[in-house]
PDB file of N, CA and C in Angstrom:
ATOM      1  N   MET A   1      23.227 -76.605 -38.039  1.00  0.00           N
ATOM      2  CA  MET A   1      23.545 -75.954 -36.920  1.00  0.00           C
ATOM      3  C   MET A   1      22.232 -75.239 -36.402  1.00  0.00           C
ATOM      4  N   ASN A   2      21.872 -75.220 -35.205  1.00  0.00           N
ATOM      5  CA  ASN A   2      20.714 -74.687 -34.636  1.00  0.00           C
ATOM      6  C   ASN A   2      20.902 -73.138 -34.338  1.00  0.00           C
ATOM      7  N   SER A   3      20.197 -72.342 -35.113  1.00  0.00           N
ATOM      8  CA  SER A   3      20.465 -70.837 -35.090  1.00  0.00           C
ATOM      9  C   SER A   3      19.746 -70.262 -33.721  1.00  0.00           C
ATOM     10  N   THR A   4      18.800 -71.098 -33.028  1.00  0.00           N
ATOM     11  CA  THR A   4      18.064 -70.488 -31.961  1.00  0.00           C
ATOM     12  C   THR A   4      18.980 -70.284 -30.722  1.00  0.00           C
ATOM     13  N   HIS A   5      20.036 -70.937 -30.769  1.00  0.00           N
ATOM     14  CA  HIS A   5      20.923 -70.881 -29.380  1.00  0.00           C
ATOM     15  C   HIS A   5      22.149 -69.989 -29.894  1.00  0.00           C
ATOM     16  N   PRO A   6      22.554 -69.048 -29.049  1.00  0.00           N
ATOM     17  CA  PRO A   6      23.752 -68.270 -29.323  1.00  0.00           C
ATOM     18  C   PRO A   6      24.978 -69.188 -29.298  1.00  0.00           C
ATOM     19  N   THR A   7      25.953 -68.597 -30.086  1.00  0.00           N
ATOM     20  CA  THR A   7      27.173 -69.305 -30.011  1.00  0.00           C
ATOM     21  C   THR A   7      27.873 -69.187 -28.628  1.00  0.00           C
ATOM     22  N   PRO A   8      28.250 -70.343 -28.047  1.00  0.00           N
ATOM     23  CA  PRO A   8      28.974 -70.128 -26.770  1.00  0.00           C
ATOM     24  C   PRO A   8      30.330 -69.251 -26.947  1.00  0.00           C
ATOM     25  N   GLY A   9      30.472 -68.379 -25.863  1.00  0.00           N
ATOM     26  CA  GLY A   9      31.566 -67.708 -25.920  1.00  0.00           C
ATOM     27  C   GLY A   9      32.712 -68.176 -24.998  1.00  0.00           C
ATOM     28  N   LYS A  10      33.635 -67.327 -24.637  1.00  0.00           N
ATOM     29  CA  LYS A  10      34.663 -67.778 -23.704  1.00  0.00           C
ATOM     30  C   LYS A  10      33.947 -67.516 -22.340  1.00  0.00           C
ATOM     31  N   ARG A  11      34.365 -68.461 -21.387  1.00  0.00           N
ATOM     32  CA  ARG A  11      33.642 -68.466 -20.112  1.00  0.00           C
ATOM     33  C   ARG A  11      34.787 -67.867 -19.222  1.00  0.00           C
ATOM     34  N   VAL A  12      34.253 -66.985 -18.200  1.00  0.00           N
ATOM     35  CA  VAL A  12      35.148 -66.387 -17.292  1.00  0.00           C
ATOM     36  C   VAL A  12      34.509 -66.569 -15.875  1.00  0.00           C
ATOM     37  N   PRO A  13      35.610 -66.497 -14.858  1.00  0.00           N
ATOM     38  CA  PRO A  13      35.104 -66.599 -13.463  1.00  0.00           C
ATOM     39  C   PRO A  13      34.236 -65.397 -13.006  1.00  0.00           C
ATOM     40  N   THR A  14      33.787 -65.680 -11.796  1.00  0.00           N
ATOM     41  CA  THR A  14      32.707 -64.624 -11.291  1.00  0.00           C
ATOM     42  C   THR A  14      33.472 -63.371 -11.204  1.00  0.00           C
ATOM     43  N   SER A  15      34.683 -63.167 -10.809  1.00  0.00           N
ATOM     44  CA  SER A  15      35.360 -61.744 -10.626  1.00  0.00           C
ATOM     45  C   SER A  15      35.507 -61.187 -11.936  1.00  0.00           C
ATOM     46  N   LEU A  16      35.707 -61.796 -13.077  1.00  0.00           N
ATOM     47  CA  LEU A  16      35.883 -61.128 -14.305  1.00  0.00           C
ATOM     48  C   LEU A  16      34.474 -60.798 -14.938  1.00  0.00           C
ATOM     49  N   ALA A  17      33.496 -61.697 -14.550  1.00  0.00           N
ATOM     50  CA  ALA A  17      32.118 -61.391 -14.994  1.00  0.00           C
ATOM     51  C   ALA A  17      31.666 -60.129 -14.429  1.00  0.00           C
ATOM     52  N   ALA A  18      31.939 -59.968 -13.084  1.00  0.00           N
ATOM     53  CA  ALA A  18      31.528 -58.824 -12.314  1.00  0.00           C
ATOM     54  C   ALA A  18      32.159 -57.488 -12.912  1.00  0.00           C
ATOM     55  N   LEU A  19      33.429 -57.758 -13.158  1.00  0.00           N
ATOM     56  CA  LEU A  19      34.231 -56.549 -13.760  1.00  0.00           C
ATOM     57  C   LEU A  19      33.723 -56.289 -15.195  1.00  0.00           C
ATOM     58  N   ALA A  20      33.407 -57.138 -15.909  1.00  0.00           N
ATOM     59  CA  ALA A  20      32.879 -56.773 -17.326  1.00  0.00           C
ATOM     60  C   ALA A  20      31.379 -56.063 -17.112  1.00  0.00           C
ATOM     61  N   LEU A  21      30.643 -56.406 -16.160  1.00  0.00           N
ATOM     62  CA  LEU A  21      29.283 -55.678 -16.035  1.00  0.00           C
ATOM     63  C   LEU A  21      29.350 -54.575 -15.079  1.00  0.00           C
ATOM     64  N   ASP A  22      30.532 -54.292 -14.462  1.00  0.00           N
ATOM     65  CA  ASP A  22      30.636 -53.310 -13.487  1.00  0.00           C
ATOM     66  C   ASP A  22      29.647 -53.369 -12.309  1.00  0.00           C
ATOM     67  N   VAL A  23      29.448 -54.771 -11.758  1.00  0.00           N
ATOM     68  CA  VAL A  23      28.733 -54.789 -10.658  1.00  0.00           C
ATOM     69  C   VAL A  23      29.492 -55.758  -9.657  1.00  0.00           C
ATOM     70  N   ARG A  24      29.023 -56.040  -8.481  1.00  0.00           N
ATOM     71  CA  ARG A  24      29.736 -56.765  -7.415  1.00  0.00           C
ATOM     72  C   ARG A  24      29.553 -58.196  -7.867  1.00  0.00           C
ATOM     73  N   GLU A  25      30.519 -59.016  -7.344  1.00  0.00           N
ATOM     74  CA  GLU A  25      30.457 -60.447  -7.597  1.00  0.00           C
ATOM     75  C   GLU A  25      29.256 -61.053  -6.978  1.00  0.00           C
ATOM     76  N   GLY A  26      28.712 -60.639  -5.982  1.00  0.00           N
ATOM     77  CA  GLY A  26      27.420 -61.162  -5.342  1.00  0.00           C
ATOM     78  C   GLY A  26      26.260 -60.939  -6.021  1.00  0.00           C
ATOM     79  N   THR A  27      26.245 -59.860  -6.916  1.00  0.00           N
ATOM     80  CA  THR A  27      25.305 -59.670  -7.933  1.00  0.00           C
ATOM     81  C   THR A  27      25.251 -60.724  -9.020  1.00  0.00           C
ATOM     82  N   ILE A  28      26.314 -61.010  -9.445  1.00  0.00           N
ATOM     83  CA  ILE A  28      26.529 -62.093 -10.475  1.00  0.00           C
ATOM     84  C   ILE A  28      25.947 -63.383 -10.000  1.00  0.00           C
ATOM     85  N   ARG A  29      26.249 -63.766  -8.728  1.00  0.00           N
ATOM     86  CA  ARG A  29      25.803 -64.894  -8.009  1.00  0.00           C
ATOM     87  C   ARG A  29      24.315 -64.975  -7.796  1.00  0.00           C
ATOM     88  N   GLN A  30      23.779 -63.811  -7.499  1.00  0.00           N
ATOM     89  CA  GLN A  30      22.362 -63.699  -7.361  1.00  0.00           C
ATOM     90  C   GLN A  30      21.778 -63.912  -8.705  1.00  0.00           C
ATOM     91  N   TRP A  31      22.260 -63.155  -9.684  1.00  0.00           N
ATOM     92  CA  TRP A  31      21.518 -63.260 -11.020  1.00  0.00           C
ATOM     93  C   TRP A  31      21.554 -64.806 -11.574  1.00  0.00           C
ATOM     94  N   ALA A  32      22.663 -65.529 -11.228  1.00  0.00           N
ATOM     95  CA  ALA A  32      22.810 -66.869 -11.552  1.00  0.00           C
ATOM     96  C   ALA A  32      21.753 -67.703 -10.876  1.00  0.00           C
ATOM     97  N   ARG A  33      21.507 -67.406  -9.556  1.00  0.00           N
ATOM     98  CA  ARG A  33      20.449 -68.154  -8.701  1.00  0.00           C
ATOM     99  C   ARG A  33      19.040 -67.962  -9.188  1.00  0.00           C
ATOM    100  N   ARG A  34      18.872 -66.719  -9.654  1.00  0.00           N
ATOM    101  CA  ARG A  34      17.566 -66.296 -10.194  1.00  0.00           C
ATOM    102  C   ARG A  34      17.352 -66.722 -11.626  1.00  0.00           C
ATOM    103  N   GLY A  35      18.280 -67.153 -12.256  1.00  0.00           N
ATOM    104  CA  GLY A  35      18.214 -67.623 -13.669  1.00  0.00           C
ATOM    105  C   GLY A  35      18.442 -66.497 -14.722  1.00  0.00           C
ATOM    106  N   LYS A  36      18.963 -65.409 -14.236  1.00  0.00           N
ATOM    107  CA  LYS A  36      19.088 -64.303 -15.216  1.00  0.00           C
ATOM    108  C   LYS A  36      20.438 -64.593 -15.978  1.00  0.00           C
ATOM    109  N   LEU A  37      21.357 -65.360 -15.448  1.00  0.00           N
ATOM    110  CA  LEU A  37      22.631 -65.911 -16.101  1.00  0.00           C
ATOM    111  C   LEU A  37      22.826 -67.381 -15.906  1.00  0.00           C
ATOM    112  N   THR A  38      23.411 -67.935 -16.866  1.00  0.00           N
ATOM    113  CA  THR A  38      23.598 -69.294 -16.743  1.00  0.00           C
ATOM    114  C   THR A  38      25.133 -69.543 -16.060  1.00  0.00           C
ATOM    115  N   ARG A  39      25.096 -70.347 -15.048  1.00  0.00           N
ATOM    116  CA  ARG A  39      26.287 -70.756 -14.260  1.00  0.00           C
ATOM    117  C   ARG A  39      26.836 -72.024 -14.822  1.00  0.00           C
ATOM    118  N   TYR A  40      28.156 -71.898 -15.291  1.00  0.00           N
ATOM    119  CA  TYR A  40      28.905 -73.151 -15.802  1.00  0.00           C
ATOM    120  C   TYR A  40      29.909 -73.432 -14.850  1.00  0.00           C
ATOM    121  N   GLY A  41      30.735 -74.507 -15.271  1.00  0.00           N
ATOM    122  CA  GLY A  41      31.945 -74.786 -14.318  1.00  0.00           C
ATOM    123  C   GLY A  41      31.661 -75.924 -13.355  1.00  0.00           C
ATOM    124  N   THR A  42      32.212 -75.851 -12.262  1.00  0.00           N
ATOM    125  CA  THR A  42      32.153 -76.981 -11.227  1.00  0.00           C
ATOM    126  C   THR A  42      31.569 -76.455 -10.033  1.00  0.00           C
ATOM    127  N   PRO A  43      31.195 -77.300  -9.086  1.00  0.00           N
ATOM    128  CA  PRO A  43      30.599 -76.809  -7.663  1.00  0.00           C
ATOM    129  C   PRO A  43      31.556 -75.690  -7.049  1.00  0.00           C
ATOM    130  N   ARG A  44      32.932 -75.902  -7.317  1.00  0.00           N
ATOM    131  CA  ARG A  44      33.841 -75.059  -6.674  1.00  0.00           C
ATOM    132  C   ARG A  44      34.312 -73.792  -7.474  1.00  0.00           C
ATOM    133  N   GLN A  45      34.052 -73.915  -8.845  1.00  0.00           N
ATOM    134  CA  GLN A  45      34.523 -72.790  -9.678  1.00  0.00           C
ATOM    135  C   GLN A  45      33.424 -72.491 -10.656  1.00  0.00           C
ATOM    136  N   ALA A  46      32.765 -71.308 -10.461  1.00  0.00           N
ATOM    137  CA  ALA A  46      31.751 -70.827 -11.384  1.00  0.00           C
ATOM    138  C   ALA A  46      32.253 -70.094 -12.514  1.00  0.00           C
ATOM    139  N   LEU A  47      31.761 -70.315 -13.669  1.00  0.00           N
ATOM    140  CA  LEU A  47      32.059 -69.485 -14.802  1.00  0.00           C
ATOM    141  C   LEU A  47      30.934 -69.136 -15.614  1.00  0.00           C
ATOM    142  N   TYR A  48      30.992 -68.038 -16.339  1.00  0.00           N
ATOM    143  CA  TYR A  48      30.016 -67.379 -16.998  1.00  0.00           C
ATOM    144  C   TYR A  48      30.450 -67.002 -18.389  1.00  0.00           C
ATOM    145  N   ASP A  49      29.459 -67.184 -19.322  1.00  0.00           N
ATOM    146  CA  ASP A  49      29.853 -67.000 -20.698  1.00  0.00           C
ATOM    147  C   ASP A  49      29.733 -65.523 -21.011  1.00  0.00           C
ATOM    148  N   LEU A  50      30.817 -65.139 -21.759  1.00  0.00           N
ATOM    149  CA  LEU A  50      31.005 -63.551 -22.161  1.00  0.00           C
ATOM    150  C   LEU A  50      29.983 -63.214 -23.060  1.00  0.00           C
ATOM    151  N   ASN A  51      29.459 -64.036 -24.082  1.00  0.00           N
ATOM    152  CA  ASN A  51      28.447 -63.629 -24.986  1.00  0.00           C
ATOM    153  C   ASN A  51      27.124 -63.462 -24.177  1.00  0.00           C
ATOM    154  N   GLU A  52      26.793 -64.247 -23.253  1.00  0.00           N
ATOM    155  CA  GLU A  52      25.561 -64.178 -22.470  1.00  0.00           C
ATOM    156  C   GLU A  52      25.675 -62.942 -21.516  1.00  0.00           C
ATOM    157  N   LEU A  53      26.841 -62.585 -21.015  1.00  0.00           N
ATOM    158  CA  LEU A  53      26.985 -61.312 -20.362  1.00  0.00           C
ATOM    159  C   LEU A  53      26.827 -60.084 -21.306  1.00  0.00           C
ATOM    160  N   ALA A  54      27.217 -60.142 -22.463  1.00  0.00           N
ATOM    161  CA  ALA A  54      27.084 -59.109 -23.425  1.00  0.00           C
ATOM    162  C   ALA A  54      25.612 -58.934 -23.670  1.00  0.00           C
ATOM    163  N   ALA A  55      24.934 -60.044 -23.925  1.00  0.00           N
ATOM    164  CA  ALA A  55      23.467 -59.883 -24.206  1.00  0.00           C
ATOM    165  C   ALA A  55      22.776 -59.266 -23.037  1.00  0.00           C
ATOM    166  N   LEU A  56      23.098 -59.647 -22.020  1.00  0.00           N
ATOM    167  CA  LEU A  56      22.413 -59.072 -20.652  1.00  0.00           C
ATOM    168  C   LEU A  56      22.645 -57.592 -20.587  1.00  0.00           C
ATOM    169  N   VAL A  57      23.804 -57.086 -20.945  1.00  0.00           N
ATOM    170  CA  VAL A  57      24.201 -55.865 -20.854  1.00  0.00           C
ATOM    171  C   VAL A  57      23.263 -54.991 -22.018  1.00  0.00           C
ATOM    172  N   ALA A  58      23.277 -55.593 -23.094  1.00  0.00           N
ATOM    173  CA  ALA A  58      22.541 -55.022 -24.253  1.00  0.00           C
ATOM    174  C   ALA A  58      20.980 -54.903 -23.922  1.00  0.00           C
ATOM    175  N   GLY A  59      20.564 -55.993 -23.323  1.00  0.00           N
ATOM    176  CA  GLY A  59      19.149 -56.059 -22.979  1.00  0.00           C
ATOM    177  C   GLY A  59      18.681 -54.972 -21.924  1.00  0.00           C
ATOM    178  N   GLU A  60      19.647 -54.905 -20.871  1.00  0.00           N
ATOM    179  CA  GLU A  60      19.332 -53.773 -19.938  1.00  0.00           C
ATOM    180  C   GLU A  60      19.656 -52.430 -20.414  1.00  0.00           C
ATOM    181  N   THR A  61      20.472 -52.139 -21.401  1.00  0.00           N
ATOM    182  CA  THR A  61      20.534 -50.940 -21.926  1.00  0.00           C
ATOM    183  C   THR A  61      19.279 -50.498 -22.862  1.00  0.00           C
ATOM    184  N   ALA A  62      18.793 -51.595 -23.500  1.00  0.00           N
ATOM    185  CA  ALA A  62      17.610 -51.269 -24.366  1.00  0.00           C
ATOM    186  C   ALA A  62      16.450 -51.065 -23.447  1.00  0.00           C
ATOM    187  N   GLU A  63      16.237 -51.676 -22.250  1.00  0.00           N
ATOM    188  CA  GLU A  63      15.196 -51.466 -21.222  1.00  0.00           C
ATOM    189  C   GLU A  63      15.321 -49.983 -20.607  1.00  0.00           C
ATOM    190  N   ALA A  64      16.525 -49.539 -20.316  1.00  0.00           N
ATOM    191  CA  ALA A  64      16.819 -48.231 -19.681  1.00  0.00           C
ATOM    192  C   ALA A  64      16.444 -47.212 -20.655  1.00  0.00           C
ATOM    193  N   ASN A  65      16.508 -47.357 -22.138  1.00  0.00           N
ATOM    194  CA  ASN A  65      16.281 -46.487 -23.053  1.00  0.00           C
ATOM    195  C   ASN A  65      14.821 -46.566 -23.538  1.00  0.00           C
ATOM    196  N   GLY A  66      14.047 -47.401 -22.864  1.00  0.00           N
ATOM    197  CA  GLY A  66      12.579 -47.407 -23.186  1.00  0.00           C
ATOM    198  C   GLY A  66      12.297 -48.380 -24.433  1.00  0.00           C
ATOM    199  N   ALA A  67      13.132 -49.291 -24.984  1.00  0.00           N
ATOM    200  CA  ALA A  67      12.773 -49.980 -25.987  1.00  0.00           C
ATOM    201  C   ALA A  67      12.132 -51.207 -25.594  1.00  0.00           C
TER     202      ALA A  67
END
């Protein structure tokens, strides 16, 4: 098993990803376009990995605390 890649987590639609991060759905879409988040799913249904969302929150919390 390759330890450099995080274990994939449950994937959720845009609305739940936005709810998990307490941001607007448009923000999630923008982050995906900019490469900050990976977009999974089909052209009609975007899905986002919960583990990736948690890592994003942890990284932003560390930045805000000056780490």
